[in-house]
Amino acid sequence: MIDSLVVIATPEWQENYTTSSTAGQITQVQIDPSNWVLLRQKSEIRMQLLSCLPYDGAVKLSWLPLAADIPLAGYQVWRGDGASFELISDAVITGLDYTDSEVQNGTSYHYYVCAVDIEGYISLPSNAMQATPIDFPFDLGMLVVNETRNGTGAAIAPTSAEVSAFYAAALEGFSYSEWDYAMEGAPDLAKLSRHPLVLWHTDDFSEHLLLDNQDLIGSYVLSRGRILISGWKYPSVFSEAFSSQFLAGIVPMYYNSAVMISLYSDTYPTLYPDPAKLAPAWNNMLPMSFTFEGAEDAFLPC
């Protein structure tokens, strides 16, 4: 009985193909780890699942397009418990995102996506990601998340006490609870789910912990939570996946030079940078600032 086959070839090898109709069959194909495989500049092409955001009663997925020059019909979404998966998208998806609303809050789900070509063949599965949707009771008031690093007290480097005093004055008369990022770490989704409004202030111009919390904020916003981000240069940390979902049609424009004179409004008082908190060379103007081109209903234009 023949139980193996030896193929001798030069690097100028012939490409060989085999067809498979289901993701399960593809994942069962293995390469013998005890022998060499010559790829000759060939590489494995896989889908990349970018985000898997749980929120109240649903999970939203987004992915990158398949990086292959082949005509595609679209994509499929698979869901499971981590060990086994089943196809949940009834039809081929032509876009790059999908919302699974057939879920139960408190239950964990695993997902991957596959590309489908025009002949019906599917790609290797993407990386798998996990999500657990939860209830959002929104039964408490505003939460203030303090991300600020303790500065020296010099210009543009306020101490934590100075930052706390600033926001205490700005929020005088409002009821709110506080969360100290330095002491408690990042708040989790269960914590945010209790608060219908979050003020997240990131007052350091070089360290932005929002970078590590974009999925958290995305899940909160998808659950109809409202977030006000107060900080310096923070739009620079938003990933492409976050921006495409939550800043669609909006282009953050960065101005490195000291050019921002004021913020004005027909409803609110005009705001000016405080000269006492600026470097003298900035001539009472604020550098390293952003505008949001394409944003509608801006209540404080620059």
Protein backbone atom coordinates (compact mmCIF):
# COMPACT_ATOMS: atom_id res chain seq x y z
CA MET A 1 0.00 0.00 0.00
CA ILE A 2 1.33 3.44 -0.92
CA ASP A 3 1.10 5.88 2.00
CA SER A 4 3.28 8.71 0.70
CA LEU A 5 4.42 10.41 -2.47
CA VAL A 6 7.84 11.95 -3.12
CA VAL A 7 8.05 14.81 -5.61
CA ILE A 8 11.47 16.00 -6.77
CA ALA A 9 11.49 19.44 -8.38
CA THR A 10 13.73 22.43 -9.06
CA PRO A 11 12.87 25.91 -7.71
CA GLU A 12 11.17 26.50 -11.07
CA TRP A 13 8.28 24.37 -9.92
CA GLN A 14 4.85 23.93 -11.43
CA GLU A 15 1.96 25.57 -9.58
CA ASN A 16 -0.64 23.06 -8.49
CA TYR A 17 -4.19 23.84 -7.40
CA THR A 18 -6.91 21.99 -5.57
CA THR A 19 -10.48 23.13 -4.99
CA SER A 20 -12.48 23.11 -1.79
CA SER A 21 -16.00 24.34 -1.27
CA THR A 22 -16.21 24.91 2.50
CA ALA A 23 -14.12 26.64 5.13
CA GLY A 24 -14.03 23.44 7.15
CA GLN A 25 -12.35 21.53 4.32
CA ILE A 26 -9.79 24.27 3.79
CA THR A 27 -8.74 24.38 7.43
CA GLN A 28 -8.13 20.60 7.37
CA VAL A 29 -5.40 20.88 4.71
CA GLN A 30 -1.96 20.54 6.35
CA ILE A 31 1.63 20.73 5.16
CA ASP A 32 4.01 18.00 6.34
CA PRO A 33 6.23 19.83 8.89
CA SER A 34 9.05 17.30 8.39
CA ASN A 35 9.71 18.31 4.77
CA TRP A 36 10.59 21.45 2.85
CA VAL A 37 8.01 23.44 0.95
CA LEU A 38 9.30 25.78 -1.80
CA LEU A 39 6.95 28.73 -2.18
CA ARG A 40 8.83 30.65 -4.92
CA GLN A 41 7.53 34.06 -3.86
CA LYS A 42 4.06 32.67 -3.18
CA SER A 43 2.40 33.53 0.12
CA GLU A 44 -0.80 32.68 1.90
CA ILE A 45 -3.55 35.26 1.48
CA ARG A 46 -5.98 35.53 4.37
CA MET A 47 -8.79 37.85 5.27
CA GLN A 48 -8.19 40.26 8.17
CA LEU A 49 -11.00 40.88 10.65
CA LEU A 50 -10.35 44.39 12.03
CA SER A 51 -12.89 44.84 14.79
CA CYS A 52 -15.54 42.91 16.65
CA LEU A 53 -17.53 45.35 18.77
CA PRO A 54 -20.10 44.07 21.28
CA TYR A 55 -22.89 46.36 22.35
CA ASP A 56 -26.47 46.14 23.61
CA GLY A 57 -28.09 43.22 21.78
CA ALA A 58 -25.69 43.05 18.85
CA VAL A 59 -22.10 42.64 17.63
CA LYS A 60 -20.67 44.74 14.80
CA LEU A 61 -17.84 43.34 12.65
CA SER A 62 -15.58 45.10 10.17
CA TRP A 63 -12.78 43.75 7.98
CA LEU A 64 -10.29 44.64 5.27
CA PRO A 65 -10.94 43.65 1.65
CA LEU A 66 -9.19 40.50 0.45
CA ALA A 67 -5.76 41.51 -0.86
CA ALA A 68 -5.95 39.43 -4.04
CA ASP A 69 -6.48 40.38 -7.67
CA ILE A 70 -9.46 38.11 -8.25
CA PRO A 71 -13.13 38.96 -8.95
CA LEU A 72 -15.10 38.61 -5.74
CA ALA A 73 -18.80 38.12 -5.17
CA GLY A 74 -18.41 39.32 -1.56
CA TYR A 75 -17.89 37.97 1.95
CA GLN A 76 -19.34 35.50 4.45
CA VAL A 77 -19.55 35.79 8.25
CA TRP A 78 -19.13 32.71 10.46
CA ARG A 79 -20.01 32.53 14.16
CA GLY A 80 -19.28 29.92 16.79
CA ASP A 81 -18.08 29.08 20.26
CA GLY A 82 -14.38 29.01 19.36
CA ALA A 83 -14.35 25.27 18.57
CA SER A 84 -17.00 25.04 15.86
CA PHE A 85 -18.50 27.67 13.56
CA GLU A 86 -21.55 28.07 11.34
CA LEU A 87 -22.35 30.45 8.51
CA ILE A 88 -24.70 33.20 9.72
CA SER A 89 -24.85 35.59 6.77
CA ASP A 90 -27.82 34.52 4.63
CA ALA A 91 -26.44 36.16 1.49
CA VAL A 92 -22.99 37.16 0.31
CA ILE A 93 -22.07 40.53 1.86
CA THR A 94 -20.78 43.09 -0.62
CA GLY A 95 -19.58 45.62 1.96
CA LEU A 96 -16.87 45.46 4.63
CA ASP A 97 -19.00 45.29 7.77
CA TYR A 98 -21.82 43.25 9.26
CA THR A 99 -24.03 43.55 12.34
CA ASP A 100 -25.10 40.35 14.07
CA SER A 101 -28.30 41.10 15.99
CA GLU A 102 -29.19 37.45 16.61
CA VAL A 103 -27.30 37.33 19.91
CA GLN A 104 -28.04 37.23 23.62
CA ASN A 105 -26.54 39.71 26.06
CA GLY A 106 -24.07 38.04 28.41
CA THR A 107 -23.14 35.27 25.95
CA SER A 108 -19.69 35.17 24.30
CA TYR A 109 -19.42 34.66 20.53
CA HIS A 110 -16.48 34.02 18.20
CA TYR A 111 -16.38 35.22 14.58
CA TYR A 112 -14.35 34.99 11.41
CA VAL A 113 -14.98 36.07 7.81
CA CYS A 114 -14.21 34.56 4.40
CA ALA A 115 -14.14 36.00 0.90
CA VAL A 116 -16.21 34.39 -1.88
CA ASP A 117 -15.23 34.63 -5.54
CA ILE A 118 -17.70 34.83 -8.44
CA GLU A 119 -17.56 31.05 -8.93
CA GLY A 120 -18.57 30.41 -5.33
CA TYR A 121 -15.19 29.31 -3.96
CA ILE A 122 -14.28 30.71 -0.55
CA SER A 123 -11.00 31.92 0.89
CA LEU A 124 -9.17 30.76 3.96
CA PRO A 125 -10.88 32.07 7.12
CA SER A 126 -9.67 35.28 8.69
CA ASN A 127 -8.35 35.65 12.19
CA ALA A 128 -11.06 34.93 14.76
CA MET A 129 -12.26 37.54 17.25
CA GLN A 130 -14.51 37.27 20.32
CA ALA A 131 -17.24 39.54 21.68
CA THR A 132 -19.74 39.50 24.55
CA PRO A 133 -22.73 41.87 24.18
CA ILE A 134 -24.14 43.26 27.43
CA ASP A 135 -27.08 45.28 28.74
CA PHE A 136 -26.75 49.07 28.86
CA PRO A 137 -29.07 50.24 31.66
CA PHE A 138 -27.75 53.85 31.62
CA ASP A 139 -29.07 54.19 35.17
CA LEU A 140 -26.40 56.53 36.56
CA GLY A 141 -25.37 60.07 35.66
CA MET A 142 -22.32 61.45 33.87
CA LEU A 143 -18.92 59.79 34.25
CA VAL A 144 -15.70 61.84 34.03
CA VAL A 145 -12.69 59.77 32.99
CA ASN A 146 -9.40 61.43 33.96
CA GLU A 147 -6.62 60.16 31.70
CA THR A 148 -4.19 62.97 32.51
CA ARG A 149 -0.57 62.27 33.35
CA ASN A 150 0.78 64.24 36.32
CA GLY A 151 2.85 67.10 34.85
CA THR A 152 5.37 69.44 36.41
CA GLY A 153 3.09 72.46 36.65
CA ALA A 154 4.99 74.38 33.98
CA ALA A 155 3.28 75.72 30.85
CA ILE A 156 1.55 72.93 28.86
CA ALA A 157 2.41 70.44 31.62
CA PRO A 158 -0.27 70.87 34.32
CA THR A 159 -0.25 68.77 37.47
CA SER A 160 -3.10 66.35 38.12
CA ALA A 161 -4.38 68.70 40.84
CA GLU A 162 -4.48 71.61 38.37
CA VAL A 163 -6.33 69.52 35.79
CA SER A 164 -8.84 68.30 38.38
CA ALA A 165 -9.45 71.87 39.55
CA PHE A 166 -10.03 73.00 35.96
CA TYR A 167 -12.70 70.37 35.26
CA ALA A 168 -14.28 70.84 38.69
CA ALA A 169 -14.77 74.52 37.86
CA ALA A 170 -16.04 73.74 34.34
CA LEU A 171 -18.57 71.21 35.68
CA GLU A 172 -19.72 73.20 38.69
CA GLY A 173 -23.42 72.58 39.27
CA PHE A 174 -23.45 69.23 37.45
CA SER A 175 -23.74 65.85 39.14
CA TYR A 176 -21.11 63.33 38.06
CA SER A 177 -18.81 60.55 39.24
CA GLU A 178 -15.10 60.30 38.47
CA TRP A 179 -12.76 57.59 37.20
CA ASP A 180 -8.98 58.02 37.63
CA TYR A 181 -7.23 56.16 34.81
CA ALA A 182 -3.83 56.30 36.51
CA MET A 183 -5.19 54.70 39.69
CA GLU A 184 -7.84 52.33 38.30
CA GLY A 185 -6.81 51.58 34.73
CA ALA A 186 -9.24 51.79 31.85
CA PRO A 187 -12.95 51.53 32.67
CA ASP A 188 -14.52 48.41 31.19
CA LEU A 189 -17.66 48.27 29.08
CA ALA A 190 -19.79 47.22 32.07
CA LYS A 191 -18.74 50.41 33.85
CA LEU A 192 -19.52 52.65 30.88
CA SER A 193 -22.88 50.90 30.36
CA ARG A 194 -24.20 52.58 33.54
CA HIS A 195 -23.51 56.12 32.30
CA PRO A 196 -25.42 57.73 29.39
CA LEU A 197 -22.80 60.50 29.13
CA VAL A 198 -19.01 60.23 29.45
CA LEU A 199 -16.52 63.10 29.53
CA TRP A 200 -13.12 61.58 28.75
CA HIS A 201 -10.32 64.09 29.12
CA THR A 202 -6.83 63.42 27.83
CA ASP A 203 -4.80 66.52 28.62
CA ASP A 204 -1.29 65.31 27.83
CA PHE A 205 -0.06 66.28 24.36
CA SER A 206 2.28 63.28 23.93
CA GLU A 207 0.59 60.33 25.66
CA HIS A 208 -2.89 59.27 24.56
CA LEU A 209 -4.39 56.20 26.20
CA LEU A 210 -7.34 56.44 23.84
CA LEU A 211 -5.12 54.48 21.45
CA ASP A 212 -5.75 51.34 23.50
CA ASN A 213 -9.46 51.98 24.08
CA GLN A 214 -10.96 52.59 20.66
CA ASP A 215 -12.96 49.35 20.64
CA LEU A 216 -14.28 50.18 24.12
CA ILE A 217 -15.42 53.62 22.98
CA GLY A 218 -16.83 52.20 19.75
CA SER A 219 -18.99 49.69 21.64
CA TYR A 220 -20.21 52.45 23.95
CA VAL A 221 -21.19 54.73 21.07
CA LEU A 222 -22.94 51.89 19.21
CA SER A 223 -25.07 51.39 22.34
CA ARG A 224 -26.19 55.05 22.05
CA GLY A 225 -23.88 56.30 24.74
CA ARG A 226 -22.68 59.87 24.31
CA ILE A 227 -19.03 60.72 24.78
CA LEU A 228 -17.30 64.09 24.91
CA ILE A 229 -13.53 63.84 24.41
CA SER A 230 -11.54 66.78 25.73
CA GLY A 231 -7.86 66.77 24.93
CA TRP A 232 -4.90 67.74 22.82
CA LYS A 233 -3.94 66.00 19.54
CA TYR A 234 -6.08 62.94 20.33
CA PRO A 235 -7.58 62.53 16.79
CA SER A 236 -4.13 61.41 15.63
CA VAL A 237 -4.53 58.11 17.49
CA PHE A 238 -7.78 57.04 15.80
CA SER A 239 -7.29 53.95 13.64
CA GLU A 240 -8.58 53.65 10.08
CA ALA A 241 -11.20 51.16 11.27
CA PHE A 242 -12.46 53.53 14.00
CA SER A 243 -12.50 56.57 11.71
CA SER A 244 -14.37 54.77 8.92
CA GLN A 245 -17.11 53.69 11.34
CA PHE A 246 -17.54 56.76 13.52
CA LEU A 247 -16.09 59.65 11.50
CA ALA A 248 -17.47 58.73 8.07
CA GLY A 249 -17.27 61.73 5.76
CA ILE A 250 -15.19 63.71 8.28
CA VAL A 251 -11.51 64.47 7.69
CA PRO A 252 -9.46 65.55 10.75
CA MET A 253 -7.05 68.30 9.63
CA TYR A 254 -3.94 68.78 11.78
CA TYR A 255 -2.27 72.18 12.27
CA ASN A 256 1.15 71.88 13.88
CA SER A 257 1.89 75.61 13.98
CA ALA A 258 0.38 77.99 16.53
CA VAL A 259 -2.61 79.22 14.49
CA MET A 260 -5.75 78.62 16.57
CA ILE A 261 -6.98 81.97 17.85
CA SER A 262 -10.41 81.13 19.28
CA LEU A 263 -13.56 79.02 19.17
CA TYR A 264 -16.79 80.91 18.53
CA SER A 265 -20.48 80.15 18.66
CA ASP A 266 -23.87 81.84 18.38
CA THR A 267 -24.99 79.96 21.49
CA TYR A 268 -21.93 79.74 23.73
CA PRO A 269 -19.32 82.31 24.79
CA THR A 270 -16.25 82.63 22.56
CA LEU A 271 -13.31 80.65 23.92
CA TYR A 272 -9.73 81.90 23.82
CA PRO A 273 -6.52 80.08 24.80
CA ASP A 274 -5.28 81.16 28.23
CA PRO A 275 -1.97 83.03 27.66
CA ALA A 276 -0.76 82.02 31.14
CA LYS A 277 -0.84 78.37 30.10
CA LEU A 278 0.88 78.75 26.72
CA ALA A 279 4.50 78.95 25.65
CA PRO A 280 5.52 82.59 24.96
CA ALA A 281 6.60 81.77 21.39
CA TRP A 282 3.04 80.82 20.50
CA ASN A 283 1.87 84.44 20.70
CA ASN A 284 -1.40 83.62 22.49
CA MET A 285 -2.36 81.01 19.86
CA LEU A 286 -2.64 77.25 20.21
CA PRO A 287 -0.51 74.89 18.09
CA MET A 288 -0.96 71.16 17.42
CA SER A 289 -4.71 71.50 16.92
CA PHE A 290 -7.30 69.79 14.71
CA THR A 291 -10.33 70.86 12.75
CA PHE A 292 -12.89 68.37 11.43
CA GLU A 293 -13.61 69.07 7.79
CA GLY A 294 -17.03 67.79 6.71
CA ALA A 295 -18.54 67.74 10.21
CA GLU A 296 -22.14 68.90 10.44
CA ASP A 297 -23.69 70.98 13.22
CA ALA A 298 -20.38 72.02 14.76
CA PHE A 299 -21.30 74.12 17.79
CA LEU A 300 -17.81 75.66 18.27
CA PRO A 301 -16.14 76.42 14.92
CA CYS A 302 -12.46 77.33 15.02
